[in-house]
Amino acid sequence: MGSRARVVSNVTAKPARLELTRTQILAFRRRVGALDTRLPAGARSLRRAAWAGLQDSMPRAALLSIHARVAATRSSTWQHASLAQIWGPRYSVFVVAERDRALFTLGRLPDDARGQRRAEDAAARLQRLLGTTRMTYGAAGHALGVHPNSLRYGTTTGTIALHWDGARQPTIWIAPRPSIAPLDARLELARRYLHVFGPGTALGFAKWAGLKARGAVAAFDALGDSLIPVRTPVGDAWALADDESALREKPRPGAPARLLPSGDAFYLLHGRDRALLVPDAKQRNALWTSRVWPGAVLVDGEIVGTWRRTQHAVTVQPFGRLSRDARDAIEAEAATLPLPDLEREITVDWR
């Protein structure tokens, strides 16, 4: 009981004063996530699309997340000079803006001495091994006599860069240590989380970022008056004060259709946040499976089914009956997916 009480944030004592509906919250998330209207092509839009990172654990998932948000996305856009791959939240592969690399790495540096030692040791061993060279992380692990996955811990020092094309092992090399302080990086990471996933909680931030609850709570406390208390249909939460006016805005219509890949930021949620996005429990089980998640089909701002792809064939499983207009919009969206090396046009199979 005493241990649990120690991770309760001081900010939870403030009364909720902004009451939001599910419709307002989802409209806000779509708007800040550029899912209603695609952004123009360019580095500025790519950075906004990756504001909270783009999970890329499934090969080229980040590319499809970009396509859902940025116009004129091509199969090579994920390799744009303004973007970088990292081992990000929960040590999964993410695509982020190069200039934001430190937020998603150093911002997750463990708070405890043991965790920091493990991170610094992994990074130091890699630096001694690699110097200015590059190597697959499997070869690096073999050379150091450790499981290559253990090298991921070093990413929270901000000094490990990587490239993964989805077909082979990631190639890693040493990057300059970021000049930003770990706490400053952590606070900006929390702001990114609240802007893209908000309203949210400290424990939700911890789950998303792969942090211990204590560190996430401390970050929310440090944000202080830059947060406002919010009441949502699934409980009390926090939002950035700078987002209050946008949260109060009248919801706008969603895009006719978007095909979001596995792990897309719009539904990279846990716990009660899933119930807010998808109220039906059976539909939640179909979307957030125990293994690899399928993609999410977004129509007029609501998730209406799941999808998977094998080569040129896209299989859509709706949660219920869809109108002809909705099916046409989904098929039109599927036809534009910027997938490399396809020998045939994309087809949609309805299940």
Protein backbone atom coordinates (compact mmCIF):
# COMPACT_ATOMS: atom_id res chain seq x y z
CA MET A 1 0.00 0.00 0.00
CA GLY A 2 2.80 2.39 0.95
CA SER A 3 4.75 1.59 -2.21
CA ARG A 4 1.74 2.28 -4.40
CA ALA A 5 1.06 5.62 -2.72
CA ARG A 6 4.56 6.82 -3.55
CA VAL A 7 3.87 6.82 -7.31
CA VAL A 8 0.73 8.96 -7.09
CA SER A 9 1.42 12.29 -8.73
CA ASN A 10 0.91 15.54 -6.86
CA VAL A 11 -1.09 16.83 -9.82
CA THR A 12 -3.86 14.32 -9.15
CA ALA A 13 -4.98 16.50 -6.25
CA LYS A 14 -6.18 19.26 -8.61
CA PRO A 15 -9.90 19.22 -9.50
CA ALA A 16 -10.95 18.45 -13.08
CA ARG A 17 -12.23 21.59 -14.79
CA LEU A 18 -12.44 20.74 -18.50
CA GLU A 19 -15.01 18.10 -19.40
CA LEU A 20 -14.60 16.52 -22.83
CA THR A 21 -16.68 14.09 -24.85
CA ARG A 22 -15.33 11.11 -26.75
CA THR A 23 -16.13 12.90 -30.02
CA GLN A 24 -14.11 15.96 -28.99
CA ILE A 25 -11.11 13.88 -27.92
CA LEU A 26 -10.96 11.74 -31.06
CA ALA A 27 -11.46 14.76 -33.31
CA PHE A 28 -8.58 16.51 -31.53
CA ARG A 29 -6.29 13.49 -31.93
CA ARG A 30 -7.11 13.15 -35.61
CA ARG A 31 -6.55 16.86 -36.18
CA VAL A 32 -3.15 17.04 -34.46
CA GLY A 33 -2.24 13.73 -36.08
CA ALA A 34 -3.04 15.05 -39.57
CA LEU A 35 -5.49 12.23 -40.23
CA ASP A 36 -8.38 14.38 -41.47
CA THR A 37 -6.44 16.21 -44.18
CA ARG A 38 -3.03 15.24 -45.50
CA LEU A 39 -0.15 17.66 -45.04
CA PRO A 40 1.86 18.94 -48.02
CA ALA A 41 5.04 17.03 -48.84
CA GLY A 42 8.25 18.19 -47.15
CA ALA A 43 10.47 17.93 -44.08
CA ARG A 44 8.22 20.13 -41.95
CA SER A 45 5.24 17.85 -42.55
CA LEU A 46 7.30 14.73 -41.95
CA ARG A 47 8.37 16.06 -38.58
CA ARG A 48 4.78 16.79 -37.64
CA ALA A 49 3.71 13.31 -38.78
CA ALA A 50 6.42 11.87 -36.52
CA TRP A 51 5.74 14.21 -33.60
CA ALA A 52 5.28 11.24 -31.25
CA GLY A 53 7.39 8.91 -33.38
CA LEU A 54 6.27 6.35 -35.95
CA GLN A 55 6.56 2.74 -34.90
CA ASP A 56 8.39 0.70 -37.53
CA SER A 57 8.61 -2.73 -35.88
CA MET A 58 6.59 -4.18 -38.74
CA PRO A 59 8.68 -3.49 -41.86
CA ARG A 60 7.63 -0.21 -43.46
CA ALA A 61 4.83 0.47 -40.99
CA ALA A 62 6.28 3.95 -40.53
CA LEU A 63 6.05 4.54 -44.29
CA LEU A 64 2.32 3.73 -44.25
CA SER A 65 1.81 5.95 -41.21
CA ILE A 66 3.46 8.78 -43.13
CA HIS A 67 1.27 8.05 -46.16
CA ALA A 68 -1.84 8.40 -44.00
CA ARG A 69 -0.71 11.91 -43.02
CA VAL A 70 1.47 13.42 -45.76
CA ALA A 71 0.62 13.92 -49.43
CA ALA A 72 2.80 12.60 -52.24
CA THR A 73 4.41 9.95 -50.02
CA ARG A 74 6.63 7.61 -52.03
CA SER A 75 8.07 4.21 -51.16
CA SER A 76 11.39 5.86 -50.24
CA THR A 77 9.96 8.67 -48.08
CA TRP A 78 10.81 6.88 -44.84
CA GLN A 79 14.48 7.40 -45.78
CA HIS A 80 14.11 11.19 -46.15
CA ALA A 81 17.20 13.05 -44.92
CA SER A 82 15.16 14.74 -42.18
CA LEU A 83 14.19 11.38 -40.62
CA ALA A 84 16.08 8.78 -38.59
CA GLN A 85 15.46 5.32 -37.20
CA ILE A 86 16.04 4.55 -33.54
CA TRP A 87 15.23 2.02 -30.88
CA GLY A 88 12.50 4.15 -29.36
CA PRO A 89 9.70 3.64 -26.83
CA ARG A 90 9.73 0.10 -25.39
CA TYR A 91 12.94 -0.49 -27.41
CA SER A 92 10.93 -0.94 -30.61
CA VAL A 93 12.15 0.43 -33.94
CA PHE A 94 10.75 3.92 -34.56
CA VAL A 95 11.14 6.54 -37.27
CA VAL A 96 11.52 10.06 -35.84
CA ALA A 97 12.69 13.43 -37.05
CA GLU A 98 16.49 13.50 -36.93
CA ARG A 99 16.40 16.71 -34.89
CA ASP A 100 14.17 14.96 -32.32
CA ARG A 101 16.33 11.85 -31.91
CA ALA A 102 17.40 12.78 -28.36
CA LEU A 103 13.82 13.10 -27.10
CA PHE A 104 12.98 9.49 -27.95
CA THR A 105 16.29 8.06 -26.71
CA LEU A 106 17.88 10.15 -23.97
CA GLY A 107 14.40 11.13 -22.76
CA ARG A 108 13.94 7.50 -21.73
CA LEU A 109 17.22 7.17 -19.81
CA PRO A 110 16.40 5.13 -16.68
CA ASP A 111 16.04 7.08 -13.44
CA ASP A 112 17.66 4.43 -11.25
CA ALA A 113 21.42 4.00 -10.95
CA ARG A 114 21.34 0.36 -12.01
CA GLY A 115 19.40 1.12 -15.19
CA GLN A 116 21.71 4.01 -16.05
CA ARG A 117 24.78 1.81 -15.56
CA ARG A 118 23.33 -0.84 -17.86
CA ALA A 119 22.62 1.77 -20.55
CA GLU A 120 26.02 3.45 -20.28
CA ASP A 121 27.85 0.11 -20.22
CA ALA A 122 26.10 -1.12 -23.37
CA ALA A 123 26.85 2.15 -25.16
CA ALA A 124 30.48 2.24 -24.01
CA ARG A 125 31.14 -1.34 -25.10
CA LEU A 126 29.67 -0.61 -28.51
CA GLN A 127 31.73 2.56 -28.86
CA ARG A 128 34.94 0.65 -28.12
CA LEU A 129 33.98 -2.03 -30.63
CA LEU A 130 32.69 0.14 -33.45
CA GLY A 131 34.64 3.37 -33.25
CA THR A 132 33.68 5.05 -36.53
CA THR A 133 32.60 1.83 -38.29
CA ARG A 134 29.18 0.24 -38.79
CA MET A 135 28.10 -3.31 -38.07
CA THR A 136 24.94 -5.38 -37.87
CA TYR A 137 23.71 -5.58 -34.32
CA GLY A 138 23.90 -9.39 -34.50
CA ALA A 139 27.59 -9.28 -35.40
CA ALA A 140 28.21 -6.69 -32.68
CA GLY A 141 26.54 -8.88 -30.08
CA HIS A 142 28.59 -11.88 -31.21
CA ALA A 143 31.81 -9.88 -31.03
CA LEU A 144 30.98 -8.70 -27.52
CA GLY A 145 29.77 -12.11 -26.36
CA VAL A 146 26.26 -10.90 -25.49
CA HIS A 147 22.79 -11.34 -26.90
CA PRO A 148 22.36 -8.56 -29.48
CA ASN A 149 19.02 -7.50 -27.96
CA SER A 150 20.89 -6.43 -24.81
CA LEU A 151 22.61 -3.73 -26.87
CA ARG A 152 19.28 -1.92 -27.20
CA TYR A 153 19.62 -0.70 -23.63
CA GLY A 154 22.40 1.60 -24.79
CA THR A 155 19.97 3.53 -26.98
CA THR A 156 18.78 5.57 -23.98
CA THR A 157 22.17 7.31 -23.90
CA GLY A 158 21.30 8.84 -27.27
CA THR A 159 24.54 7.57 -28.81
CA ILE A 160 23.37 4.60 -30.90
CA ALA A 161 22.10 5.15 -34.44
CA LEU A 162 20.63 2.45 -36.65
CA HIS A 163 19.25 1.61 -40.06
CA TRP A 164 16.83 -1.27 -40.65
CA ASP A 165 15.39 -2.05 -44.07
CA GLY A 166 13.06 -4.73 -42.72
CA ALA A 167 14.72 -7.63 -44.52
CA ARG A 168 18.02 -7.94 -42.65
CA GLN A 169 19.36 -7.20 -39.19
CA PRO A 170 19.65 -3.54 -38.19
CA THR A 171 22.98 -1.88 -38.89
CA ILE A 172 24.22 0.19 -35.97
CA TRP A 173 26.86 2.87 -35.42
CA ILE A 174 27.85 5.44 -32.82
CA ALA A 175 26.31 8.93 -32.91
CA PRO A 176 27.44 12.04 -30.98
CA ARG A 177 25.99 12.29 -27.48
CA PRO A 178 23.08 14.77 -27.42
CA SER A 179 23.69 18.10 -25.74
CA ILE A 180 20.22 18.27 -24.17
CA ALA A 181 19.87 17.23 -20.52
CA PRO A 182 18.01 13.94 -19.93
CA LEU A 183 15.32 15.65 -17.83
CA ASP A 184 14.65 18.27 -20.49
CA ALA A 185 14.36 15.52 -23.09
CA ARG A 186 11.97 13.60 -20.81
CA LEU A 187 9.72 16.61 -20.31
CA GLU A 188 9.51 17.31 -24.03
CA LEU A 189 8.74 13.65 -24.64
CA ALA A 190 5.87 13.92 -22.14
CA ARG A 191 4.58 17.00 -23.97
CA ARG A 192 4.71 15.10 -27.26
CA TYR A 193 2.75 12.25 -25.70
CA LEU A 194 0.05 14.56 -24.36
CA HIS A 195 -0.25 16.48 -27.63
CA VAL A 196 -0.68 13.38 -29.80
CA PHE A 197 -2.37 10.95 -27.36
CA GLY A 198 -3.95 13.43 -24.97
CA PRO A 199 -5.72 13.81 -22.77
CA GLY A 200 -3.57 11.28 -20.95
CA THR A 201 -2.21 10.14 -17.63
CA ALA A 202 1.26 9.69 -16.19
CA LEU A 203 0.80 5.94 -16.10
CA GLY A 204 -0.34 5.95 -19.73
CA PHE A 205 2.82 7.88 -20.59
CA ALA A 206 4.90 5.32 -18.70
CA LYS A 207 3.32 2.43 -20.61
CA TRP A 208 3.76 4.12 -23.99
CA ALA A 209 7.36 5.23 -23.42
CA GLY A 210 8.48 2.13 -21.55
CA LEU A 211 9.30 4.05 -18.37
CA LYS A 212 8.84 3.17 -14.74
CA ALA A 213 5.76 4.75 -13.20
CA ARG A 214 7.80 6.85 -10.77
CA GLY A 215 9.73 8.59 -13.55
CA ALA A 216 6.60 9.29 -15.58
CA VAL A 217 4.80 10.73 -12.56
CA ALA A 218 7.79 12.94 -11.78
CA ALA A 219 7.73 14.24 -15.37
CA PHE A 220 4.04 15.15 -15.13
CA ASP A 221 4.67 16.86 -11.80
CA ALA A 222 7.54 18.84 -13.31
CA LEU A 223 5.26 20.07 -16.11
CA GLY A 224 3.18 21.73 -13.41
CA ASP A 225 0.97 24.59 -14.56
CA SER A 226 1.56 23.79 -18.22
CA LEU A 227 -1.02 21.02 -17.72
CA ILE A 228 -4.76 21.31 -17.20
CA PRO A 229 -6.97 18.70 -15.53
CA VAL A 230 -9.53 17.06 -17.79
CA ARG A 231 -12.48 14.76 -17.25
CA THR A 232 -13.04 12.22 -20.04
CA PRO A 233 -15.61 9.44 -20.50
CA VAL A 234 -13.04 6.94 -19.19
CA GLY A 235 -11.77 8.96 -16.22
CA ASP A 236 -9.68 11.94 -15.19
CA ALA A 237 -6.62 12.84 -17.23
CA TRP A 238 -4.31 15.71 -18.18
CA ALA A 239 -3.86 17.84 -21.26
CA LEU A 240 -1.44 20.55 -22.28
CA ALA A 241 -2.77 23.99 -21.41
CA ASP A 242 -1.68 25.10 -24.88
CA ASP A 243 -4.09 22.55 -26.37
CA GLU A 244 -7.17 23.67 -24.44
CA SER A 245 -8.64 25.81 -27.21
CA ALA A 246 -8.10 23.05 -29.78
CA LEU A 247 -9.74 20.51 -27.48
CA ARG A 248 -12.77 22.78 -27.17
CA GLU A 249 -13.10 23.21 -30.95
CA LYS A 250 -16.16 21.89 -32.69
CA PRO A 251 -15.29 18.48 -34.19
CA ARG A 252 -14.75 18.41 -37.94
CA PRO A 253 -15.55 15.58 -40.38
CA GLY A 254 -12.96 12.85 -40.66
CA ALA A 255 -11.31 11.74 -43.90
CA PRO A 256 -13.30 9.29 -46.07
CA ALA A 257 -10.76 6.52 -45.38
CA ARG A 258 -7.28 5.89 -44.01
CA LEU A 259 -5.49 2.53 -43.70
CA LEU A 260 -3.38 2.75 -40.55
CA PRO A 261 -0.57 0.18 -40.21
CA SER A 262 0.16 -2.04 -37.22
CA GLY A 263 1.25 0.11 -34.28
CA ASP A 264 0.16 3.44 -35.78
CA ALA A 265 0.15 6.27 -33.26
CA PHE A 266 -3.62 6.76 -33.53
CA TYR A 267 -4.25 3.45 -31.79
CA LEU A 268 -0.94 2.78 -30.00
CA LEU A 269 -2.91 2.79 -26.76
CA HIS A 270 -3.25 0.71 -23.62
CA GLY A 271 -5.77 0.12 -20.85
CA ARG A 272 -8.77 2.39 -20.61
CA ASP A 273 -7.60 4.50 -23.56
CA ARG A 274 -8.46 1.58 -25.83
CA ALA A 275 -12.04 1.59 -24.57
CA LEU A 276 -12.35 5.26 -25.44
CA LEU A 277 -11.20 4.69 -29.01
CA VAL A 278 -13.10 1.43 -29.58
CA PRO A 279 -16.01 1.07 -27.10
CA ASP A 280 -17.03 -2.45 -28.21
CA ALA A 281 -15.00 -5.14 -26.39
CA LYS A 282 -15.23 -7.66 -29.23
CA GLN A 283 -13.91 -5.09 -31.69
CA ARG A 284 -11.08 -4.19 -29.30
CA ASN A 285 -10.03 -7.84 -29.16
CA ALA A 286 -9.94 -7.96 -32.96
CA LEU A 287 -7.75 -4.84 -33.17
CA TRP A 288 -5.41 -5.32 -30.22
CA THR A 289 -4.56 -8.99 -30.56
CA SER A 290 -2.17 -10.93 -28.35
CA ARG A 291 0.28 -11.25 -31.26
CA VAL A 292 1.05 -8.88 -34.13
CA TRP A 293 -1.68 -6.27 -34.39
CA PRO A 294 -3.50 -5.91 -37.68
CA GLY A 295 -3.86 -2.50 -39.27
CA ALA A 296 -6.83 -0.29 -38.43
CA VAL A 297 -9.38 0.89 -41.00
CA LEU A 298 -10.41 4.48 -40.31
CA VAL A 299 -13.57 5.76 -42.04
CA ASP A 300 -15.07 9.19 -41.34
CA GLY A 301 -12.98 9.41 -38.17
CA GLU A 302 -13.97 6.05 -36.64
CA ILE A 303 -12.18 2.70 -36.65
CA VAL A 304 -14.55 0.38 -38.53
CA GLY A 305 -12.43 -2.71 -39.05
CA THR A 306 -8.99 -4.24 -39.46
CA TRP A 307 -6.76 -4.97 -42.43
CA ARG A 308 -3.74 -7.03 -43.36
CA ARG A 309 -1.64 -7.29 -46.50
CA THR A 310 0.17 -10.03 -48.36
CA GLN A 311 2.07 -8.63 -51.32
CA HIS A 312 -0.54 -6.89 -53.50
CA ALA A 313 -3.57 -8.32 -51.67
CA VAL A 314 -5.17 -6.22 -48.92
CA THR A 315 -7.68 -8.10 -46.78
CA VAL A 316 -10.24 -5.98 -44.92
CA GLN A 317 -12.40 -7.32 -42.10
CA PRO A 318 -15.11 -4.76 -41.21
CA PHE A 319 -16.62 -4.72 -37.75
CA GLY A 320 -20.05 -4.36 -39.33
CA ARG A 321 -21.80 -3.59 -42.56
CA LEU A 322 -20.24 -0.71 -44.51
CA SER A 323 -21.93 1.55 -47.02
CA ARG A 324 -20.97 1.41 -50.68
CA ASP A 325 -19.36 4.84 -50.33
CA ALA A 326 -17.23 3.61 -47.42
CA ARG A 327 -16.10 0.52 -49.31
CA ASP A 328 -15.25 2.62 -52.36
CA ALA A 329 -13.23 5.02 -50.18
CA ILE A 330 -11.29 2.15 -48.59
CA GLU A 331 -10.51 0.60 -51.98
CA ALA A 332 -9.40 3.97 -53.32
CA GLU A 333 -7.13 4.47 -50.31
CA ALA A 334 -5.65 0.98 -50.67
CA ALA A 335 -4.82 1.65 -54.31
CA THR A 336 -2.58 4.58 -53.26
CA LEU A 337 -0.44 2.70 -50.72
CA PRO A 338 3.20 3.50 -51.63
CA LEU A 339 4.46 -0.07 -51.36
CA PRO A 340 7.76 -0.99 -53.02
CA ASP A 341 8.37 -3.89 -55.39
CA LEU A 342 4.75 -4.73 -56.20
CA GLU A 343 4.34 -6.62 -59.46
CA ARG A 344 0.56 -6.16 -59.61
CA GLU A 345 -1.96 -3.48 -58.69
CA ILE A 346 -3.31 -3.64 -55.15
CA THR A 347 -6.57 -5.53 -54.74
CA VAL A 348 -8.95 -5.55 -51.77
CA ASP A 349 -10.47 -8.75 -50.45
CA TRP A 350 -13.52 -8.24 -48.19
CA ARG A 351 -13.97 -10.79 -45.40
